[in-house]
Amino acid sequence: MKIKNSLKSLKARDRNNRVVRRKGRVYVINKQNPRYKARQG
Protein backbone atom coordinates (compact mmCIF):
# COMPACT_ATOMS: atom_id res chain seq x y z
CA MET A 1 0.00 0.00 0.00
CA LYS A 2 1.29 3.43 -0.93
CA ILE A 3 0.78 6.49 1.27
CA LYS A 4 0.42 9.62 -0.83
CA ASN A 5 -0.39 13.30 -0.40
CA SER A 6 -2.70 13.32 -3.40
CA LEU A 7 -4.79 10.35 -4.47
CA LYS A 8 -6.28 12.04 -7.52
CA SER A 9 -3.48 10.87 -9.79
CA LEU A 10 -3.70 7.31 -8.46
CA LYS A 11 -7.43 7.17 -9.08
CA ALA A 12 -6.87 7.90 -12.77
CA ARG A 13 -4.46 4.99 -13.22
CA ASP A 14 -7.14 2.32 -13.45
CA ARG A 15 -10.82 2.23 -14.33
CA ASN A 16 -11.77 0.17 -11.28
CA ASN A 17 -10.16 2.43 -8.70
CA ARG A 18 -12.49 3.85 -6.07
CA VAL A 19 -11.77 6.63 -3.60
CA VAL A 20 -13.28 5.75 -0.20
CA ARG A 21 -13.32 7.58 3.14
CA ARG A 22 -12.95 5.40 6.23
CA LYS A 23 -12.27 6.60 9.78
CA GLY A 24 -11.04 10.01 8.62
CA ARG A 25 -8.61 8.52 6.12
CA VAL A 26 -8.92 8.47 2.37
CA TYR A 27 -8.23 5.22 0.53
CA VAL A 28 -7.97 4.13 -3.07
CA ILE A 29 -9.18 0.56 -3.42
CA ASN A 30 -9.40 -1.73 -6.41
CA LYS A 31 -11.09 -5.13 -6.18
CA GLN A 32 -9.83 -6.36 -9.56
CA ASN A 33 -6.22 -5.31 -9.08
CA PRO A 34 -5.24 -4.86 -5.40
CA ARG A 35 -1.79 -3.48 -6.20
CA TYR A 36 -3.40 -0.04 -6.66
CA LYS A 37 -4.24 0.23 -2.94
CA ALA A 38 -3.27 3.58 -1.42
CA ARG A 39 -3.96 5.64 1.69
CA GLN A 40 -3.92 9.31 2.54
CA GLY A 41 -3.90 10.89 6.01
C-alpha atoms as a PDB file:
ATOM      1  CA  MET A   1       0.000   0.000   0.000  1.00  0.00           C
ATOM      2  CA  LYS A   2       1.290   3.428  -0.935  1.00  0.00           C
ATOM      3  CA  ILE A   3       0.783   6.486   1.273  1.00  0.00           C
ATOM      4  CA  LYS A   4       0.422   9.622  -0.829  1.00  0.00           C
ATOM      5  CA  ASN A   5      -0.393  13.295  -0.397  1.00  0.00           C
ATOM      6  CA  SER A   6      -2.701  13.324  -3.401  1.00  0.00           C
ATOM      7  CA  LEU A   7      -4.787  10.352  -4.470  1.00  0.00           C
ATOM      8  CA  LYS A   8      -6.279  12.039  -7.515  1.00  0.00           C
ATOM      9  CA  SER A   9      -3.475  10.866  -9.793  1.00  0.00           C
ATOM     10  CA  LEU A  10      -3.705   7.313  -8.464  1.00  0.00           C
ATOM     11  CA  LYS A  11      -7.434   7.173  -9.083  1.00  0.00           C
ATOM     12  CA  ALA A  12      -6.869   7.900 -12.770  1.00  0.00           C
ATOM     13  CA  ARG A  13      -4.457   4.989 -13.215  1.00  0.00           C
ATOM     14  CA  ASP A  14      -7.139   2.320 -13.454  1.00  0.00           C
ATOM     15  CA  ARG A  15     -10.820   2.231 -14.326  1.00  0.00           C
ATOM     16  CA  ASN A  16     -11.767   0.169 -11.275  1.00  0.00           C
ATOM     17  CA  ASN A  17     -10.155   2.432  -8.696  1.00  0.00           C
ATOM     18  CA  ARG A  18     -12.490   3.854  -6.072  1.00  0.00           C
ATOM     19  CA  VAL A  19     -11.772   6.633  -3.597  1.00  0.00           C
ATOM     20  CA  VAL A  20     -13.275   5.754  -0.205  1.00  0.00           C
ATOM     21  CA  ARG A  21     -13.323   7.578   3.139  1.00  0.00           C
ATOM     22  CA  ARG A  22     -12.947   5.399   6.231  1.00  0.00           C
ATOM     23  CA  LYS A  23     -12.267   6.604   9.778  1.00  0.00           C
ATOM     24  CA  GLY A  24     -11.045  10.015   8.621  1.00  0.00           C
ATOM     25  CA  ARG A  25      -8.606   8.519   6.123  1.00  0.00           C
ATOM     26  CA  VAL A  26      -8.921   8.466   2.369  1.00  0.00           C
ATOM     27  CA  TYR A  27      -8.229   5.220   0.532  1.00  0.00           C
ATOM     28  CA  VAL A  28      -7.966   4.132  -3.073  1.00  0.00           C
ATOM     29  CA  ILE A  29      -9.182   0.559  -3.424  1.00  0.00           C
ATOM     30  CA  ASN A  30      -9.405  -1.726  -6.406  1.00  0.00           C
ATOM     31  CA  LYS A  31     -11.093  -5.126  -6.182  1.00  0.00           C
ATOM     32  CA  GLN A  32      -9.830  -6.360  -9.559  1.00  0.00           C
ATOM     33  CA  ASN A  33      -6.220  -5.306  -9.075  1.00  0.00           C
ATOM     34  CA  PRO A  34      -5.237  -4.857  -5.401  1.00  0.00           C
ATOM     35  CA  ARG A  35      -1.795  -3.476  -6.202  1.00  0.00           C
ATOM     36  CA  TYR A  36      -3.396  -0.044  -6.658  1.00  0.00           C
ATOM     37  CA  LYS A  37      -4.237   0.229  -2.944  1.00  0.00           C
ATOM     38  CA  ALA A  38      -3.272   3.580  -1.421  1.00  0.00           C
ATOM     39  CA  ARG A  39      -3.955   5.640   1.685  1.00  0.00           C
ATOM     40  CA  GLN A  40      -3.922   9.309   2.544  1.00  0.00           C
ATOM     41  CA  GLY A  41      -3.898  10.886   6.014  1.00  0.00           C
END
